Amino acid sequence: MVRGSDIILVLVAILFPPASVFFISGCGCDLLINILLTALGYIPGHIHAFYLIYKQMEADARFGPGNYVNLGNGHFEPAHGVAYQPVHPQPHYGSTA
């Protein structure tokens, strides 16, 4: 599910990729990598920013909006006390639940 904030992140990534990475992961290694990639070529910075946006959207779908911790480099884990929810839950064949 695409939220309005995801659309804004994509628009910011189109204009200035390091800003969108800063919004996702703060001031850290991901931001430094994106600044270097953007300086080397505008397209590599875009690809990195879009990858991080995609991974954040995937974490939103898996753990629920805001129920995860960003570990950096596109890795997310559930926040303390949040149960893991698979992206595509398996049907319960033969059960009533």
PDB file of N, CA and C in Angstrom:
ATOM      1  N   MET A   1       0.840  -1.167   0.000  1.00  0.00           N
ATOM      2  CA  MET A   1       0.000   0.000   0.000  1.00  0.00           C
ATOM      3  C   MET A   1       0.893   1.241   0.000  1.00  0.00           C
ATOM      4  N   VAL A   2       0.655   2.124  -0.905  1.00  0.00           N
ATOM      5  CA  VAL A   2       1.443   3.348  -1.030  1.00  0.00           C
ATOM      6  C   VAL A   2       0.747   4.452  -0.250  1.00  0.00           C
ATOM      7  N   ARG A   3       1.511   5.081   0.643  1.00  0.00           N
ATOM      8  CA  ARG A   3       0.975   6.178   1.439  1.00  0.00           C
ATOM      9  C   ARG A   3       1.411   7.503   0.832  1.00  0.00           C
ATOM     10  N   GLY A   4       0.799   8.576   1.293  1.00  0.00           N
ATOM     11  CA  GLY A   4       1.148   9.898   0.798  1.00  0.00           C
ATOM     12  C   GLY A   4       2.590  10.274   1.101  1.00  0.00           C
ATOM     13  N   SER A   5       3.087   9.843   2.260  1.00  0.00           N
ATOM     14  CA  SER A   5       4.475  10.159   2.615  1.00  0.00           C
ATOM     15  C   SER A   5       5.456   9.456   1.679  1.00  0.00           C
ATOM     16  N   ASP A   6       5.083   8.271   1.172  1.00  0.00           N
ATOM     17  CA  ASP A   6       5.946   7.573   0.218  1.00  0.00           C
ATOM     18  C   ASP A   6       6.025   8.334  -1.098  1.00  0.00           C
ATOM     19  N   ILE A   7       4.906   8.893  -1.515  1.00  0.00           N
ATOM     20  CA  ILE A   7       4.884   9.667  -2.761  1.00  0.00           C
ATOM     21  C   ILE A   7       5.753  10.919  -2.606  1.00  0.00           C
ATOM     22  N   ILE A   8       5.666  11.564  -1.444  1.00  0.00           N
ATOM     23  CA  ILE A   8       6.493  12.753  -1.207  1.00  0.00           C
ATOM     24  C   ILE A   8       7.967  12.378  -1.192  1.00  0.00           C
ATOM     25  N   LEU A   9       8.305  11.228  -0.573  1.00  0.00           N
ATOM     26  CA  LEU A   9       9.697  10.779  -0.570  1.00  0.00           C
ATOM     27  C   LEU A   9      10.208  10.548  -1.984  1.00  0.00           C
ATOM     28  N   VAL A  10       9.384   9.968  -2.849  1.00  0.00           N
ATOM     29  CA  VAL A  10       9.794   9.731  -4.234  1.00  0.00           C
ATOM     30  C   VAL A  10      10.011  11.057  -4.950  1.00  0.00           C
ATOM     31  N   LEU A  11       9.122  12.016  -4.743  1.00  0.00           N
ATOM     32  CA  LEU A  11       9.281  13.324  -5.386  1.00  0.00           C
ATOM     33  C   LEU A  11      10.547  14.031  -4.897  1.00  0.00           C
ATOM     34  N   VAL A  12      10.825  13.936  -3.604  1.00  0.00           N
ATOM     35  CA  VAL A  12      12.051  14.537  -3.069  1.00  0.00           C
ATOM     36  C   VAL A  12      13.274  13.812  -3.631  1.00  0.00           C
ATOM     37  N   ALA A  13      13.182  12.478  -3.773  1.00  0.00           N
ATOM     38  CA  ALA A  13      14.300  11.709  -4.324  1.00  0.00           C
ATOM     39  C   ALA A  13      14.573  12.084  -5.777  1.00  0.00           C
ATOM     40  N   ILE A  14      13.549  12.436  -6.508  1.00  0.00           N
ATOM     41  CA  ILE A  14      13.741  12.857  -7.898  1.00  0.00           C
ATOM     42  C   ILE A  14      14.499  14.183  -7.940  1.00  0.00           C
ATOM     43  N   LEU A  15      14.150  15.107  -7.049  1.00  0.00           N
ATOM     44  CA  LEU A  15      14.781  16.418  -7.049  1.00  0.00           C
ATOM     45  C   LEU A  15      16.173  16.398  -6.423  1.00  0.00           C
ATOM     46  N   PHE A  16      16.306  15.771  -5.248  1.00  0.00           N
ATOM     47  CA  PHE A  16      17.585  15.754  -4.527  1.00  0.00           C
ATOM     48  C   PHE A  16      17.664  14.482  -3.688  1.00  0.00           C
ATOM     49  N   PRO A  17      18.278  13.423  -4.217  1.00  0.00           N
ATOM     50  CA  PRO A  17      18.287  12.123  -3.546  1.00  0.00           C
ATOM     51  C   PRO A  17      18.804  12.130  -2.101  1.00  0.00           C
ATOM     52  N   PRO A  18      19.878  12.877  -1.756  1.00  0.00           N
ATOM     53  CA  PRO A  18      20.334  12.830  -0.365  1.00  0.00           C
ATOM     54  C   PRO A  18      19.292  13.313   0.651  1.00  0.00           C
ATOM     55  N   ALA A  19      18.427  14.230   0.264  1.00  0.00           N
ATOM     56  CA  ALA A  19      17.397  14.701   1.193  1.00  0.00           C
ATOM     57  C   ALA A  19      16.427  13.576   1.547  1.00  0.00           C
ATOM     58  N   SER A  20      16.027  12.780   0.566  1.00  0.00           N
ATOM     59  CA  SER A  20      15.105  11.687   0.865  1.00  0.00           C
ATOM     60  C   SER A  20      15.778  10.620   1.725  1.00  0.00           C
ATOM     61  N   VAL A  21      17.060  10.373   1.492  1.00  0.00           N
ATOM     62  CA  VAL A  21      17.792   9.403   2.322  1.00  0.00           C
ATOM     63  C   VAL A  21      17.905   9.932   3.749  1.00  0.00           C
ATOM     64  N   PHE A  22      18.111  11.222   3.910  1.00  0.00           N
ATOM     65  CA  PHE A  22      18.166  11.812   5.248  1.00  0.00           C
ATOM     66  C   PHE A  22      16.838  11.617   5.972  1.00  0.00           C
ATOM     67  N   PHE A  23      15.711  11.786   5.266  1.00  0.00           N
ATOM     68  CA  PHE A  23      14.399  11.599   5.885  1.00  0.00           C
ATOM     69  C   PHE A  23      14.175  10.150   6.308  1.00  0.00           C
ATOM     70  N   ILE A  24      14.742   9.206   5.577  1.00  0.00           N
ATOM     71  CA  ILE A  24      14.549   7.788   5.883  1.00  0.00           C
ATOM     72  C   ILE A  24      15.473   7.333   7.004  1.00  0.00           C
ATOM     73  N   SER A  25      16.766   7.619   6.872  1.00  0.00           N
ATOM     74  CA  SER A  25      17.733   7.011   7.790  1.00  0.00           C
ATOM     75  C   SER A  25      18.490   8.008   8.660  1.00  0.00           C
ATOM     76  N   GLY A  26      18.233   9.285   8.525  1.00  0.00           N
ATOM     77  CA  GLY A  26      18.924  10.267   9.339  1.00  0.00           C
ATOM     78  C   GLY A  26      20.343  10.500   8.847  1.00  0.00           C
ATOM     79  N   CYS A  27      21.141  11.069   9.722  1.00  0.00           N
ATOM     80  CA  CYS A  27      22.521  11.398   9.374  1.00  0.00           C
ATOM     81  C   CYS A  27      23.400  10.212   9.745  1.00  0.00           C
ATOM     82  N   GLY A  28      23.677   9.377   8.762  1.00  0.00           N
ATOM     83  CA  GLY A  28      24.465   8.179   9.022  1.00  0.00           C
ATOM     84  C   GLY A  28      25.188   7.726   7.772  1.00  0.00           C
ATOM     85  N   CYS A  29      25.525   6.464   7.772  1.00  0.00           N
ATOM     86  CA  CYS A  29      26.295   5.884   6.676  1.00  0.00           C
ATOM     87  C   CYS A  29      25.512   5.920   5.361  1.00  0.00           C
ATOM     88  N   ASP A  30      24.199   5.654   5.429  1.00  0.00           N
ATOM     89  CA  ASP A  30      23.392   5.684   4.209  1.00  0.00           C
ATOM     90  C   ASP A  30      23.420   7.057   3.550  1.00  0.00           C
ATOM     91  N   LEU A  31      23.373   8.103   4.351  1.00  0.00           N
ATOM     92  CA  LEU A  31      23.421   9.461   3.810  1.00  0.00           C
ATOM     93  C   LEU A  31      24.765   9.734   3.156  1.00  0.00           C
ATOM     94  N   LEU A  32      25.849   9.337   3.804  1.00  0.00           N
ATOM     95  CA  LEU A  32      27.180   9.542   3.239  1.00  0.00           C
ATOM     96  C   LEU A  32      27.336   8.785   1.917  1.00  0.00           C
ATOM     97  N   ILE A  33      26.869   7.555   1.887  1.00  0.00           N
ATOM     98  CA  ILE A  33      26.933   6.765   0.652  1.00  0.00           C
ATOM     99  C   ILE A  33      26.137   7.445  -0.451  1.00  0.00           C
ATOM    100  N   ASN A  34      24.949   7.942  -0.117  1.00  0.00           N
ATOM    101  CA  ASN A  34      24.127   8.575  -1.136  1.00  0.00           C
ATOM    102  C   ASN A  34      24.734   9.879  -1.625  1.00  0.00           C
ATOM    103  N   ILE A  35      25.342  10.646  -0.753  1.00  0.00           N
ATOM    104  CA  ILE A  35      25.995  11.885  -1.185  1.00  0.00           C
ATOM    105  C   ILE A  35      27.136  11.569  -2.144  1.00  0.00           C
ATOM    106  N   LEU A  36      27.928  10.546  -1.823  1.00  0.00           N
ATOM    107  CA  LEU A  36      29.027  10.152  -2.709  1.00  0.00           C
ATOM    108  C   LEU A  36      28.503   9.634  -4.049  1.00  0.00           C
ATOM    109  N   LEU A  37      27.454   8.819  -4.016  1.00  0.00           N
ATOM    110  CA  LEU A  37      26.889   8.314  -5.269  1.00  0.00           C
ATOM    111  C   LEU A  37      26.297   9.434  -6.112  1.00  0.00           C
ATOM    112  N   THR A  38      25.645  10.391  -5.471  1.00  0.00           N
ATOM    113  CA  THR A  38      25.078  11.519  -6.207  1.00  0.00           C
ATOM    114  C   THR A  38      26.186  12.390  -6.798  1.00  0.00           C
ATOM    115  N   ALA A  39      27.301  12.531  -6.068  1.00  0.00           N
ATOM    116  CA  ALA A  39      28.423  13.313  -6.590  1.00  0.00           C
ATOM    117  C   ALA A  39      29.098  12.608  -7.762  1.00  0.00           C
ATOM    118  N   LEU A  40      29.153  11.281  -7.719  1.00  0.00           N
ATOM    119  CA  LEU A  40      29.751  10.529  -8.823  1.00  0.00           C
ATOM    120  C   LEU A  40      28.873  10.535 -10.070  1.00  0.00           C
ATOM    121  N   GLY A  41      27.598  10.576  -9.855  1.00  0.00           N
ATOM    122  CA  GLY A  41      26.646  10.603 -10.965  1.00  0.00           C
ATOM    123  C   GLY A  41      25.256  10.691 -10.387  1.00  0.00           C
ATOM    124  N   TYR A  42      24.427  11.467 -10.992  1.00  0.00           N
ATOM    125  CA  TYR A  42      23.106  11.716 -10.428  1.00  0.00           C
ATOM    126  C   TYR A  42      22.261  10.447 -10.397  1.00  0.00           C
ATOM    127  N   ILE A  43      22.392   9.594 -11.405  1.00  0.00           N
ATOM    128  CA  ILE A  43      21.581   8.370 -11.503  1.00  0.00           C
ATOM    129  C   ILE A  43      21.922   7.370 -10.392  1.00  0.00           C
ATOM    130  N   PRO A  44      23.190   7.099 -10.066  1.00  0.00           N
ATOM    131  CA  PRO A  44      23.459   6.181  -8.948  1.00  0.00           C
ATOM    132  C   PRO A  44      22.860   6.660  -7.615  1.00  0.00           C
ATOM    133  N   GLY A  45      22.855   7.949  -7.386  1.00  0.00           N
ATOM    134  CA  GLY A  45      22.223   8.488  -6.182  1.00  0.00           C
ATOM    135  C   GLY A  45      20.726   8.231  -6.179  1.00  0.00           C
ATOM    136  N   HIS A  46      20.103   8.367  -7.352  1.00  0.00           N
ATOM    137  CA  HIS A  46      18.670   8.066  -7.477  1.00  0.00           C
ATOM    138  C   HIS A  46      18.387   6.597  -7.181  1.00  0.00           C
ATOM    139  N   ILE A  47      19.183   5.731  -7.763  1.00  0.00           N
ATOM    140  CA  ILE A  47      18.959   4.290  -7.581  1.00  0.00           C
ATOM    141  C   ILE A  47      19.068   3.928  -6.106  1.00  0.00           C
ATOM    142  N   HIS A  48      20.065   4.447  -5.420  1.00  0.00           N
ATOM    143  CA  HIS A  48      20.238   4.163  -3.999  1.00  0.00           C
ATOM    144  C   HIS A  48      19.063   4.705  -3.185  1.00  0.00           C
ATOM    145  N   ALA A  49      18.626   5.915  -3.476  1.00  0.00           N
ATOM    146  CA  ALA A  49      17.502   6.514  -2.750  1.00  0.00           C
ATOM    147  C   ALA A  49      16.220   5.721  -2.992  1.00  0.00           C
ATOM    148  N   PHE A  50      15.968   5.334  -4.239  1.00  0.00           N
ATOM    149  CA  PHE A  50      14.758   4.569  -4.546  1.00  0.00           C
ATOM    150  C   PHE A  50      14.802   3.191  -3.891  1.00  0.00           C
ATOM    151  N   TYR A  51      15.990   2.592  -3.802  1.00  0.00           N
ATOM    152  CA  TYR A  51      16.138   1.303  -3.127  1.00  0.00           C
ATOM    153  C   TYR A  51      15.769   1.437  -1.647  1.00  0.00           C
ATOM    154  N   LEU A  52      16.255   2.479  -0.988  1.00  0.00           N
ATOM    155  CA  LEU A  52      15.941   2.669   0.423  1.00  0.00           C
ATOM    156  C   LEU A  52      14.464   2.967   0.635  1.00  0.00           C
ATOM    157  N   ILE A  53      13.853   3.718  -0.279  1.00  0.00           N
ATOM    158  CA  ILE A  53      12.414   3.981  -0.181  1.00  0.00           C
ATOM    159  C   ILE A  53      11.634   2.681  -0.339  1.00  0.00           C
ATOM    160  N   TYR A  54      12.044   1.843  -1.295  1.00  0.00           N
ATOM    161  CA  TYR A  54      11.383   0.559  -1.490  1.00  0.00           C
ATOM    162  C   TYR A  54      11.501  -0.317  -0.247  1.00  0.00           C
ATOM    163  N   LYS A  55      12.698  -0.365   0.369  1.00  0.00           N
ATOM    164  CA  LYS A  55      12.889  -1.189   1.558  1.00  0.00           C
ATOM    165  C   LYS A  55      12.067  -0.660   2.735  1.00  0.00           C
ATOM    166  N   GLN A  56      11.905   0.660   2.830  1.00  0.00           N
ATOM    167  CA  GLN A  56      11.069   1.211   3.893  1.00  0.00           C
ATOM    168  C   GLN A  56       9.604   0.865   3.660  1.00  0.00           C
ATOM    169  N   MET A  57       9.153   0.929   2.410  1.00  0.00           N
ATOM    170  CA  MET A  57       7.771   0.549   2.103  1.00  0.00           C
ATOM    171  C   MET A  57       7.545  -0.926   2.418  1.00  0.00           C
ATOM    172  N   GLU A  58       8.543  -1.753   2.135  1.00  0.00           N
ATOM    173  CA  GLU A  58       8.450  -3.181   2.443  1.00  0.00           C
ATOM    174  C   GLU A  58       8.362  -3.399   3.960  1.00  0.00           C
ATOM    175  N   ALA A  59       9.122  -2.643   4.741  1.00  0.00           N
ATOM    176  CA  ALA A  59       9.067  -2.747   6.199  1.00  0.00           C
ATOM    177  C   ALA A  59       7.720  -2.271   6.722  1.00  0.00           C
ATOM    178  N   ASP A  60       7.146  -1.220   6.110  1.00  0.00           N
ATOM    179  CA  ASP A  60       5.809  -0.766   6.489  1.00  0.00           C
ATOM    180  C   ASP A  60       4.785  -1.868   6.280  1.00  0.00           C
ATOM    181  N   ALA A  61       4.895  -2.573   5.158  1.00  0.00           N
ATOM    182  CA  ALA A  61       3.943  -3.642   4.863  1.00  0.00           C
ATOM    183  C   ALA A  61       4.140  -4.830   5.800  1.00  0.00           C
ATOM    184  N   ARG A  62       5.371  -5.132   6.140  1.00  0.00           N
ATOM    185  CA  ARG A  62       5.659  -6.309   6.959  1.00  0.00           C
ATOM    186  C   ARG A  62       5.371  -6.079   8.440  1.00  0.00           C
ATOM    187  N   PHE A  63       5.820  -4.954   8.996  1.00  0.00           N
ATOM    188  CA  PHE A  63       5.729  -4.729  10.431  1.00  0.00           C
ATOM    189  C   PHE A  63       4.649  -3.722  10.826  1.00  0.00           C
ATOM    190  N   GLY A  64       4.061  -3.036   9.878  1.00  0.00           N
ATOM    191  CA  GLY A  64       3.101  -1.988  10.170  1.00  0.00           C
ATOM    192  C   GLY A  64       3.809  -0.648  10.196  1.00  0.00           C
ATOM    193  N   PRO A  65       3.100   0.415   9.868  1.00  0.00           N
ATOM    194  CA  PRO A  65       3.736   1.733   9.813  1.00  0.00           C
ATOM    195  C   PRO A  65       4.348   2.144  11.149  1.00  0.00           C
ATOM    196  N   GLY A  66       5.649   2.383  11.138  1.00  0.00           N
ATOM    197  CA  GLY A  66       6.343   2.858  12.323  1.00  0.00           C
ATOM    198  C   GLY A  66       6.668   1.796  13.354  1.00  0.00           C
ATOM    199  N   ASN A  67       6.353   0.532  13.107  1.00  0.00           N
ATOM    200  CA  ASN A  67       6.610  -0.535  14.071  1.00  0.00           C
ATOM    201  C   ASN A  67       7.921  -1.256  13.780  1.00  0.00           C
ATOM    202  N   TYR A  68       8.918  -0.545  13.306  1.00  0.00           N
ATOM    203  CA  TYR A  68      10.194  -1.152  12.961  1.00  0.00           C
ATOM    204  C   TYR A  68      11.324  -0.186  13.285  1.00  0.00           C
ATOM    205  N   VAL A  69      12.519  -0.745  13.326  1.00  0.00           N
ATOM    206  CA  VAL A  69      13.725   0.033  13.588  1.00  0.00           C
ATOM    207  C   VAL A  69      14.614  -0.063  12.362  1.00  0.00           C
ATOM    208  N   ASN A  70      15.121   1.073  11.896  1.00  0.00           N
ATOM    209  CA  ASN A  70      16.007   1.107  10.740  1.00  0.00           C
ATOM    210  C   ASN A  70      17.418   0.789  11.205  1.00  0.00           C
ATOM    211  N   LEU A  71      17.973  -0.328  10.707  1.00  0.00           N
ATOM    212  CA  LEU A  71      19.330  -0.725  11.074  1.00  0.00           C
ATOM    213  C   LEU A  71      20.368  -0.166  10.122  1.00  0.00           C
ATOM    214  N   GLY A  72      19.930   0.466   9.047  1.00  0.00           N
ATOM    215  CA  GLY A  72      20.844   0.993   8.045  1.00  0.00           C
ATOM    216  C   GLY A  72      21.003   0.050   6.878  1.00  0.00           C
ATOM    217  N   ASN A  73      21.382   0.595   5.745  1.00  0.00           N
ATOM    218  CA  ASN A  73      21.620  -0.168   4.525  1.00  0.00           C
ATOM    219  C   ASN A  73      20.399  -0.962   4.082  1.00  0.00           C
ATOM    220  N   GLY A  74      19.221  -0.432   4.333  1.00  0.00           N
ATOM    221  CA  GLY A  74      17.996  -1.075   3.875  1.00  0.00           C
ATOM    222  C   GLY A  74      17.541  -2.238   4.721  1.00  0.00           C
ATOM    223  N   HIS A  75      18.085  -2.392   5.924  1.00  0.00           N
ATOM    224  CA  HIS A  75      17.683  -3.480   6.811  1.00  0.00           C
ATOM    225  C   HIS A  75      16.815  -2.924   7.935  1.00  0.00           C
ATOM    226  N   PHE A  76      15.699  -3.593   8.156  1.00  0.00           N
ATOM    227  CA  PHE A  76      14.767  -3.175   9.196  1.00  0.00           C
ATOM    228  C   PHE A  76      14.444  -4.384  10.065  1.00  0.00           C
ATOM    229  N   GLU A  77      14.169  -4.134  11.341  1.00  0.00           N
ATOM    230  CA  GLU A  77      13.725  -5.198  12.233  1.00  0.00           C
ATOM    231  C   GLU A  77      12.538  -4.668  13.027  1.00  0.00           C
ATOM    232  N   PRO A  78      11.710  -5.568  13.550  1.00  0.00           N
ATOM    233  CA  PRO A  78      10.539  -5.095  14.299  1.00  0.00           C
ATOM    234  C   PRO A  78      10.967  -4.367  15.569  1.00  0.00           C
ATOM    235  N   ALA A  79      10.178  -3.378  15.933  1.00  0.00           N
ATOM    236  CA  ALA A  79      10.431  -2.664  17.181  1.00  0.00           C
ATOM    237  C   ALA A  79      10.168  -3.601  18.351  1.00  0.00           C
ATOM    238  N   HIS A  80      10.666  -3.264  19.510  1.00  0.00           N
ATOM    239  CA  HIS A  80      10.516  -4.108  20.692  1.00  0.00           C
ATOM    240  C   HIS A  80       9.038  -4.381  20.977  1.00  0.00           C
ATOM    241  N   GLY A  81       8.698  -5.631  21.114  1.00  0.00           N
ATOM    242  CA  GLY A  81       7.330  -6.011  21.458  1.00  0.00           C
ATOM    243  C   GLY A  81       6.394  -6.139  20.281  1.00  0.00           C
ATOM    244  N   VAL A  82       6.880  -5.980  19.063  1.00  0.00           N
ATOM    245  CA  VAL A  82       6.024  -6.108  17.889  1.00  0.00           C
ATOM    246  C   VAL A  82       6.263  -7.472  17.267  1.00  0.00           C
ATOM    247  N   ALA A  83       5.205  -8.215  17.078  1.00  0.00           N
ATOM    248  CA  ALA A  83       5.324  -9.548  16.489  1.00  0.00           C
ATOM    249  C   ALA A  83       5.543  -9.432  14.986  1.00  0.00           C
ATOM    250  N   TYR A  84       6.291 -10.375  14.457  1.00  0.00           N
ATOM    251  CA  TYR A  84       6.544 -10.419  13.020  1.00  0.00           C
ATOM    252  C   TYR A  84       5.269 -10.793  12.286  1.00  0.00           C
ATOM    253  N   GLN A  85       4.963 -10.059  11.217  1.00  0.00           N
ATOM    254  CA  GLN A  85       3.811 -10.361  10.379  1.00  0.00           C
ATOM    255  C   GLN A  85       4.319 -10.608   8.969  1.00  0.00           C
ATOM    256  N   PRO A  86       4.066 -11.794   8.412  1.00  0.00           N
ATOM    257  CA  PRO A  86       4.541 -12.051   7.053  1.00  0.00           C
ATOM    258  C   PRO A  86       3.867 -11.128   6.050  1.00  0.00           C
ATOM    259  N   VAL A  87       4.586 -10.858   4.965  1.00  0.00           N
ATOM    260  CA  VAL A  87       4.060  -9.972   3.929  1.00  0.00           C
ATOM    261  C   VAL A  87       2.821 -10.584   3.292  1.00  0.00           C
ATOM    262  N   HIS A  88       2.890 -11.871   2.993  1.00  0.00           N
ATOM    263  CA  HIS A  88       1.760 -12.581   2.394  1.00  0.00           C
ATOM    264  C   HIS A  88       1.373 -13.722   3.324  1.00  0.00           C
ATOM    265  N   PRO A  89       0.404 -13.504   4.213  1.00  0.00           N
ATOM    266  CA  PRO A  89       0.051 -14.564   5.145  1.00  0.00           C
ATOM    267  C   PRO A  89      -0.488 -15.794   4.402  1.00  0.00           C
ATOM    268  N   GLN A  90      -0.128 -16.952   4.914  1.00  0.00           N
ATOM    269  CA  GLN A  90      -0.555 -18.195   4.306  1.00  0.00           C
ATOM    270  C   GLN A  90      -1.986 -18.506   4.713  1.00  0.00           C
ATOM    271  N   PRO A  91      -2.790 -19.023   3.777  1.00  0.00           N
ATOM    272  CA  PRO A  91      -4.166 -19.379   4.138  1.00  0.00           C
ATOM    273  C   PRO A  91      -4.167 -20.590   5.071  1.00  0.00           C
ATOM    274  N   HIS A  92      -5.165 -20.632   5.919  1.00  0.00           N
ATOM    275  CA  HIS A  92      -5.314 -21.732   6.873  1.00  0.00           C
ATOM    276  C   HIS A  92      -6.303 -22.739   6.293  1.00  0.00           C
ATOM    277  N   TYR A  93      -5.816 -23.648   5.513  1.00  0.00           N
ATOM    278  CA  TYR A  93      -6.685 -24.624   4.881  1.00  0.00           C
ATOM    279  C   TYR A  93      -7.208 -25.603   5.912  1.00  0.00           C
ATOM    280  N   GLY A  94      -8.522 -25.792   5.909  1.00  0.00           N
ATOM    281  CA  GLY A  94      -9.146 -26.773   6.796  1.00  0.00           C
ATOM    282  C   GLY A  94      -9.348 -26.274   8.195  1.00  0.00           C
ATOM    283  N   SER A  95      -9.095 -25.016   8.473  1.00  0.00           N
ATOM    284  CA  SER A  95      -9.309 -24.490   9.820  1.00  0.00           C
ATOM    285  C   SER A  95     -10.332 -23.361   9.765  1.00  0.00           C
ATOM    286  N   THR A  96     -10.843 -23.023  10.906  1.00  0.00           N
ATOM    287  CA  THR A  96     -11.840 -21.959  10.969  1.00  0.00           C
ATOM    288  C   THR A  96     -11.224 -20.619  11.318  1.00  0.00           C
ATOM    289  N   ALA A  97      -9.948 -20.593  11.642  1.00  0.00           N
ATOM    290  CA  ALA A  97      -9.299 -19.331  12.011  1.00  0.00           C
ATOM    291  C   ALA A  97      -8.827 -18.571  10.805  1.00  0.00           C
TER     292      ALA A  97
END
